[in-house]
């Protein structure tokens, strides 16, 4: 496995962790900083996942 492909997989794992925690926080439905941060994390994940997928496709072994 080459380095870019490995980093693409690592990025997807990190995105999954961030998305899981953000969705868990949004389900609590409590106003405040944590809810705002969770909404920002969902937006970040939605932008980073396509890039990770592009890297995986471009550098597939």
Protein backbone atom coordinates (compact mmCIF):
# COMPACT_ATOMS: atom_id res chain seq x y z
CA UNK A 1 0.00 0.00 0.00
CA UNK A 2 1.48 3.34 -0.98
CA UNK A 3 1.41 6.38 1.30
CA UNK A 4 -1.34 8.44 -0.43
CA UNK A 5 -3.68 5.43 -0.48
CA UNK A 6 -3.02 4.78 3.20
CA UNK A 7 -3.65 8.41 4.07
CA UNK A 8 -6.92 8.31 2.13
CA UNK A 9 -8.06 5.39 4.25
CA UNK A 10 -6.86 7.14 7.42
CA UNK A 11 -8.79 10.27 6.41
CA UNK A 12 -11.97 8.26 5.93
CA UNK A 13 -11.55 6.70 9.37
CA UNK A 14 -11.10 10.13 10.94
CA UNK A 15 -14.17 11.39 9.07
CA UNK A 16 -16.21 8.45 10.37
CA UNK A 17 -15.20 9.24 13.96
CA UNK A 18 -16.01 12.93 13.58
CA UNK A 19 -19.35 12.19 11.89
CA UNK A 20 -20.31 9.65 14.58
CA UNK A 21 -19.56 12.08 17.40
CA UNK A 22 -21.26 14.99 15.62
CA UNK A 23 -24.44 13.02 14.93
CA UNK A 24 -24.48 11.82 18.54
CA UNK A 25 -24.24 15.41 19.74
CA UNK A 26 -26.91 16.63 17.31
CA UNK A 27 -29.31 13.92 18.55
CA UNK A 28 -29.06 15.40 22.05
CA UNK A 29 -30.70 18.55 20.63
CA UNK A 30 -29.23 20.89 23.26
CA UNK A 31 -28.43 24.46 22.23
CA UNK A 32 -24.91 25.72 22.77
CA UNK A 33 -21.33 25.53 21.62
CA UNK A 34 -21.26 21.76 21.26
CA UNK A 35 -24.23 21.80 18.86
CA UNK A 36 -22.63 24.54 16.76
CA UNK A 37 -19.34 22.64 16.66
CA UNK A 38 -21.18 19.45 15.64
CA UNK A 39 -22.86 21.28 12.74
CA UNK A 40 -19.46 22.58 11.60
CA UNK A 41 -17.99 19.07 11.85
CA UNK A 42 -20.76 17.66 9.65
CA UNK A 43 -19.95 20.32 7.04
CA UNK A 44 -16.23 19.52 7.32
CA UNK A 45 -16.87 15.80 6.86
CA UNK A 46 -19.06 16.45 3.81
CA UNK A 47 -16.18 18.34 2.17
CA UNK A 48 -13.35 16.01 3.22
CA UNK A 49 -14.89 12.63 2.31
CA UNK A 50 -15.00 13.34 -1.46
CA UNK A 51 -11.35 14.37 -1.36
CA UNK A 52 -10.42 11.14 0.45
CA UNK A 53 -12.36 9.12 -2.11
CA UNK A 54 -10.61 10.96 -4.94
CA UNK A 55 -7.22 10.13 -3.41
CA UNK A 56 -8.22 6.47 -3.03
CA UNK A 57 -9.29 6.28 -6.69
CA UNK A 58 -6.27 8.18 -7.99
CA UNK A 59 -3.72 6.13 -6.05
CA UNK A 60 -5.41 2.73 -6.03
CA UNK A 61 -2.79 -0.04 -6.04
